Amino acid sequence: MWTRQHKQRNTGRLIIPSLCVAFLTYFGFHAYHGEFGIYSKYRLEAETVDLQGKVDAVKARRIDLERRVQLLHQGTLEKDMLDEQARKALNMSHADEITIMLPAAAR
């Protein structure tokens, strides 16, 4: 009678651990680099700081504009402010005045 003897291989024992390593590697990579991962959190925090700075600048500009508009209201009309705004809009000055032109970046 013929019998075949098979040597048991150890490759079957490595299938489950290798699948677990692949599984953990995949999810670990996406936990760090994914859309909602750790690295994205730091990027979003940096973007938040940048945008907060822009919001503060816009708020300061708005407060300045509100203050200037308040000076133009009917009850508290400042003649100098009105004169300045009219000259700026019409690009005119008196003959006895000296006009100094500043570049837009210096304003």
C-alpha atoms as a PDB file:
ATOM      1  CA  MET A   1       0.000   0.000   0.000  1.00  0.00           C
ATOM      2  CA  TRP A   2       1.281   3.350  -0.980  1.00  0.00           C
ATOM      3  CA  THR A   3       1.224   6.164   1.537  1.00  0.00           C
ATOM      4  CA  ARG A   4       2.123   9.739   1.040  1.00  0.00           C
ATOM      5  CA  GLN A   5       3.609  11.662   3.847  1.00  0.00           C
ATOM      6  CA  HIS A   6       3.228  15.381   3.806  1.00  0.00           C
ATOM      7  CA  LYS A   7       5.458  17.698   5.686  1.00  0.00           C
ATOM      8  CA  GLN A   8       3.423  20.292   7.498  1.00  0.00           C
ATOM      9  CA  ARG A   9       4.183  23.797   6.387  1.00  0.00           C
ATOM     10  CA  ASN A  10       4.290  26.832   8.667  1.00  0.00           C
ATOM     11  CA  THR A  11       2.781  29.212   6.102  1.00  0.00           C
ATOM     12  CA  GLY A  12      -0.729  28.620   7.408  1.00  0.00           C
ATOM     13  CA  ARG A  13       0.264  30.013  10.766  1.00  0.00           C
ATOM     14  CA  LEU A  14       1.379  33.322   9.202  1.00  0.00           C
ATOM     15  CA  ILE A  15      -1.824  34.143   7.350  1.00  0.00           C
ATOM     16  CA  ILE A  16      -3.801  35.587  10.295  1.00  0.00           C
ATOM     17  CA  PRO A  17      -0.914  37.650  11.757  1.00  0.00           C
ATOM     18  CA  SER A  18      -0.025  39.045   8.325  1.00  0.00           C
ATOM     19  CA  LEU A  19      -3.676  40.011   7.710  1.00  0.00           C
ATOM     20  CA  CYS A  20      -3.772  41.704  11.122  1.00  0.00           C
ATOM     21  CA  VAL A  21      -0.568  43.619  10.364  1.00  0.00           C
ATOM     22  CA  ALA A  22      -1.948  44.736   6.990  1.00  0.00           C
ATOM     23  CA  PHE A  23      -5.238  45.753   8.630  1.00  0.00           C
ATOM     24  CA  LEU A  24      -3.513  47.761  11.377  1.00  0.00           C
ATOM     25  CA  THR A  25      -1.110  49.368   8.896  1.00  0.00           C
ATOM     26  CA  TYR A  26      -3.945  50.479   6.632  1.00  0.00           C
ATOM     27  CA  PHE A  27      -6.022  51.996   9.410  1.00  0.00           C
ATOM     28  CA  GLY A  28      -2.988  53.430  11.185  1.00  0.00           C
ATOM     29  CA  PHE A  29      -1.907  55.231   8.022  1.00  0.00           C
ATOM     30  CA  HIS A  30      -5.361  56.703   7.510  1.00  0.00           C
ATOM     31  CA  ALA A  31      -5.675  57.628  11.184  1.00  0.00           C
ATOM     32  CA  TYR A  32      -2.603  59.848  10.736  1.00  0.00           C
ATOM     33  CA  HIS A  33      -2.868  61.048   7.117  1.00  0.00           C
ATOM     34  CA  GLY A  34      -6.598  60.734   6.469  1.00  0.00           C
ATOM     35  CA  GLU A  35      -9.128  63.513   6.005  1.00  0.00           C
ATOM     36  CA  PHE A  36      -9.990  63.504   9.722  1.00  0.00           C
ATOM     37  CA  GLY A  37      -6.600  62.261  10.915  1.00  0.00           C
ATOM     38  CA  ILE A  38      -4.053  63.660  13.334  1.00  0.00           C
ATOM     39  CA  TYR A  39      -2.053  65.532  10.668  1.00  0.00           C
ATOM     40  CA  SER A  40      -5.248  67.102   9.303  1.00  0.00           C
ATOM     41  CA  LYS A  41      -6.083  68.335  12.792  1.00  0.00           C
ATOM     42  CA  TYR A  42      -2.814  70.281  12.947  1.00  0.00           C
ATOM     43  CA  ARG A  43      -3.376  71.671   9.448  1.00  0.00           C
ATOM     44  CA  LEU A  44      -6.893  72.790  10.365  1.00  0.00           C
ATOM     45  CA  GLU A  45      -5.632  74.433  13.553  1.00  0.00           C
ATOM     46  CA  ALA A  46      -3.003  76.372  11.563  1.00  0.00           C
ATOM     47  CA  GLU A  47      -5.653  77.410   9.045  1.00  0.00           C
ATOM     48  CA  THR A  48      -7.925  78.481  11.911  1.00  0.00           C
ATOM     49  CA  VAL A  49      -5.205  80.756  13.298  1.00  0.00           C
ATOM     50  CA  ASP A  50      -4.643  82.270   9.834  1.00  0.00           C
ATOM     51  CA  LEU A  51      -8.343  82.840   9.240  1.00  0.00           C
ATOM     52  CA  GLN A  52      -8.794  84.285  12.738  1.00  0.00           C
ATOM     53  CA  GLY A  53      -6.127  86.857  11.917  1.00  0.00           C
ATOM     54  CA  LYS A  54      -7.999  87.782   8.746  1.00  0.00           C
ATOM     55  CA  VAL A  55     -11.271  88.059  10.685  1.00  0.00           C
ATOM     56  CA  ASP A  56      -9.619  90.376  13.207  1.00  0.00           C
ATOM     57  CA  ALA A  57      -8.292  92.569  10.373  1.00  0.00           C
ATOM     58  CA  VAL A  58     -11.742  92.738   8.766  1.00  0.00           C
ATOM     59  CA  LYS A  59     -13.349  93.591  12.116  1.00  0.00           C
ATOM     60  CA  ALA A  60     -10.838  96.391  12.682  1.00  0.00           C
ATOM     61  CA  ARG A  61     -11.520  97.734   9.190  1.00  0.00           C
ATOM     62  CA  ARG A  62     -15.264  97.557   9.839  1.00  0.00           C
ATOM     63  CA  ILE A  63     -14.942  99.451  13.124  1.00  0.00           C
ATOM     64  CA  ASP A  64     -12.901 102.128  11.348  1.00  0.00           C
ATOM     65  CA  LEU A  65     -15.490 102.424   8.577  1.00  0.00           C
ATOM     66  CA  GLU A  66     -18.343 102.578  11.100  1.00  0.00           C
ATOM     67  CA  ARG A  67     -16.547 105.371  12.933  1.00  0.00           C
ATOM     68  CA  ARG A  68     -16.083 107.304   9.684  1.00  0.00           C
ATOM     69  CA  VAL A  69     -19.722 106.785   8.698  1.00  0.00           C
ATOM     70  CA  GLN A  70     -20.813 107.976  12.140  1.00  0.00           C
ATOM     71  CA  LEU A  71     -19.019 111.244  11.448  1.00  0.00           C
ATOM     72  CA  LEU A  72     -21.096 111.693   8.281  1.00  0.00           C
ATOM     73  CA  HIS A  73     -24.514 111.272   9.939  1.00  0.00           C
ATOM     74  CA  GLN A  74     -26.841 114.233   9.740  1.00  0.00           C
ATOM     75  CA  GLY A  75     -26.815 115.223  13.406  1.00  0.00           C
ATOM     76  CA  THR A  76     -23.027 115.092  13.749  1.00  0.00           C
ATOM     77  CA  LEU A  77     -21.939 116.134  10.282  1.00  0.00           C
ATOM     78  CA  GLU A  78     -18.281 117.063  10.306  1.00  0.00           C
ATOM     79  CA  LYS A  79     -17.619 119.622   7.587  1.00  0.00           C
ATOM     80  CA  ASP A  80     -13.955 118.657   7.368  1.00  0.00           C
ATOM     81  CA  MET A  81     -14.831 114.992   6.880  1.00  0.00           C
ATOM     82  CA  LEU A  82     -17.396 115.856   4.216  1.00  0.00           C
ATOM     83  CA  ASP A  83     -14.904 118.118   2.465  1.00  0.00           C
ATOM     84  CA  GLU A  84     -12.209 115.419   2.586  1.00  0.00           C
ATOM     85  CA  GLN A  85     -14.528 112.751   1.183  1.00  0.00           C
ATOM     86  CA  ALA A  86     -15.796 115.045  -1.610  1.00  0.00           C
ATOM     87  CA  ARG A  87     -12.267 115.993  -2.646  1.00  0.00           C
ATOM     88  CA  LYS A  88     -11.181 112.375  -2.612  1.00  0.00           C
ATOM     89  CA  ALA A  89     -14.167 111.254  -4.705  1.00  0.00           C
ATOM     90  CA  LEU A  90     -13.851 114.122  -7.206  1.00  0.00           C
ATOM     91  CA  ASN A  91     -10.048 114.139  -7.243  1.00  0.00           C
ATOM     92  CA  MET A  92      -9.921 117.918  -6.802  1.00  0.00           C
ATOM     93  CA  SER A  93      -8.136 120.436  -4.582  1.00  0.00           C
ATOM     94  CA  HIS A  94      -7.953 124.199  -4.160  1.00  0.00           C
ATOM     95  CA  ALA A  95      -5.403 126.224  -6.100  1.00  0.00           C
ATOM     96  CA  ASP A  96      -3.493 127.235  -2.958  1.00  0.00           C
ATOM     97  CA  GLU A  97      -3.175 123.658  -1.576  1.00  0.00           C
ATOM     98  CA  ILE A  98      -0.309 121.227  -1.946  1.00  0.00           C
ATOM     99  CA  THR A  99      -1.364 117.712  -2.896  1.00  0.00           C
ATOM    100  CA  ILE A 100       0.856 114.776  -1.917  1.00  0.00           C
ATOM    101  CA  MET A 101       0.102 111.568  -3.806  1.00  0.00           C
ATOM    102  CA  LEU A 102       0.845 108.364  -1.861  1.00  0.00           C
ATOM    103  CA  PRO A 103       1.094 104.923  -3.452  1.00  0.00           C
ATOM    104  CA  ALA A 104      -1.787 102.582  -2.669  1.00  0.00           C
ATOM    105  CA  ALA A 105       0.449 100.286  -0.580  1.00  0.00           C
ATOM    106  CA  ALA A 106       1.464 103.151   1.764  1.00  0.00           C
ATOM    107  CA  ARG A 107      -2.135 103.947   2.745  1.00  0.00           C
END
